[in-house]
Amino acid sequence: MQVEMQIRLAIRDAVNRTSRKPFDWGGLVGYRQLEAIAQALHTTPGAQAETAYLHQLTSQVDRALERNRVLAQDVAAAQVQL
């Protein structure tokens, strides 16, 4: 339960910082932080009842990453040019 709380707090930190622009939900740093969280979630064991919530959370995080992947790539390319 404590691990779940820490993961939820990490996700909230990645997506809810208003100071991170140009994404309203966390900026490029938040996107990269969310990628790291997704990698950690993908390493959790599969067939245990204790990790069912984490697997549900994994699909939500993956969906958010996929939905914003093109935007993150565009912003990263713009940063390189600047």
Protein backbone atom coordinates (compact mmCIF):
# COMPACT_ATOMS: atom_id res chain seq x y z
CA MET A 1 0.00 0.00 0.00
CA GLN A 2 2.85 2.36 0.77
CA VAL A 3 4.45 1.65 -2.61
CA GLU A 4 1.16 2.47 -4.34
CA MET A 5 0.98 5.77 -2.47
CA GLN A 6 4.54 6.67 -3.48
CA ILE A 7 3.81 5.88 -7.12
CA ARG A 8 0.63 7.96 -7.05
CA LEU A 9 2.56 10.87 -5.55
CA ALA A 10 5.28 10.53 -8.19
CA ILE A 11 2.70 10.59 -10.98
CA ARG A 12 0.95 13.57 -9.43
CA ASP A 13 4.30 15.37 -9.25
CA ALA A 14 5.00 14.58 -12.91
CA VAL A 15 1.67 15.77 -14.28
CA ASN A 16 0.40 18.56 -12.02
CA ARG A 17 3.15 21.15 -11.93
CA THR A 18 1.81 24.35 -13.46
CA SER A 19 5.31 25.81 -13.71
CA ARG A 20 6.28 23.20 -16.30
CA LYS A 21 5.37 24.47 -19.74
CA PRO A 22 4.48 24.10 -22.62
CA PHE A 23 2.41 21.11 -21.50
CA ASP A 24 -0.28 22.03 -19.01
CA TRP A 25 0.17 18.67 -17.31
CA GLY A 26 3.89 18.66 -16.62
CA GLY A 27 6.14 19.83 -19.45
CA LEU A 28 8.90 17.85 -21.07
CA VAL A 29 10.50 17.11 -17.71
CA GLY A 30 7.18 15.77 -16.47
CA TYR A 31 6.84 13.63 -19.59
CA ARG A 32 10.27 12.12 -19.03
CA GLN A 33 9.47 11.57 -15.38
CA LEU A 34 6.27 9.79 -16.40
CA GLU A 35 8.30 7.60 -18.80
CA ALA A 36 10.55 6.56 -15.91
CA ILE A 37 7.50 5.76 -13.77
CA ALA A 38 6.07 3.64 -16.60
CA GLN A 39 9.32 1.69 -16.87
CA ALA A 40 9.22 0.98 -13.13
CA LEU A 41 5.57 -0.07 -13.31
CA HIS A 42 6.32 -2.50 -16.14
CA THR A 43 8.75 -4.37 -13.87
CA THR A 44 6.14 -5.25 -11.23
CA PRO A 45 5.22 -8.93 -10.95
CA GLY A 46 2.10 -9.92 -12.86
CA ALA A 47 -0.14 -12.51 -11.27
CA GLN A 48 -0.44 -11.19 -7.74
CA ALA A 49 -3.55 -9.63 -6.25
CA GLU A 50 -1.40 -7.04 -4.46
CA THR A 51 -0.22 -5.60 -7.77
CA ALA A 52 -3.58 -5.48 -9.58
CA TYR A 53 -3.91 -1.75 -8.92
CA LEU A 54 -0.40 -1.13 -10.24
CA HIS A 55 -1.21 -2.95 -13.48
CA GLN A 56 -4.33 -0.86 -13.92
CA LEU A 57 -2.25 2.24 -13.27
CA THR A 58 0.33 1.07 -15.82
CA SER A 59 -2.23 1.08 -18.62
CA GLN A 60 -3.35 4.61 -17.69
CA VAL A 61 0.23 5.91 -17.62
CA ASP A 62 1.01 4.19 -20.95
CA ARG A 63 -2.09 5.79 -22.49
CA ALA A 64 -1.03 9.27 -21.30
CA LEU A 65 2.47 8.75 -22.68
CA GLU A 66 1.22 7.55 -26.05
CA ARG A 67 -1.27 10.39 -26.36
CA ASN A 68 1.46 12.99 -25.79
CA ARG A 69 4.47 11.31 -27.42
CA VAL A 70 4.39 13.46 -30.59
CA LEU A 71 4.14 16.67 -28.57
CA ALA A 72 7.07 15.65 -26.39
CA GLN A 73 9.17 14.83 -29.46
CA ASP A 74 8.34 18.21 -31.02
CA VAL A 75 9.26 20.08 -27.83
CA ALA A 76 12.51 18.11 -27.46
CA ALA A 77 13.44 18.93 -31.07
CA ALA A 78 12.67 22.61 -30.48
CA GLN A 79 14.90 22.62 -27.40
CA VAL A 80 17.76 21.15 -29.40
CA GLN A 81 17.37 23.86 -32.05
CA LEU A 82 17.34 26.59 -29.44
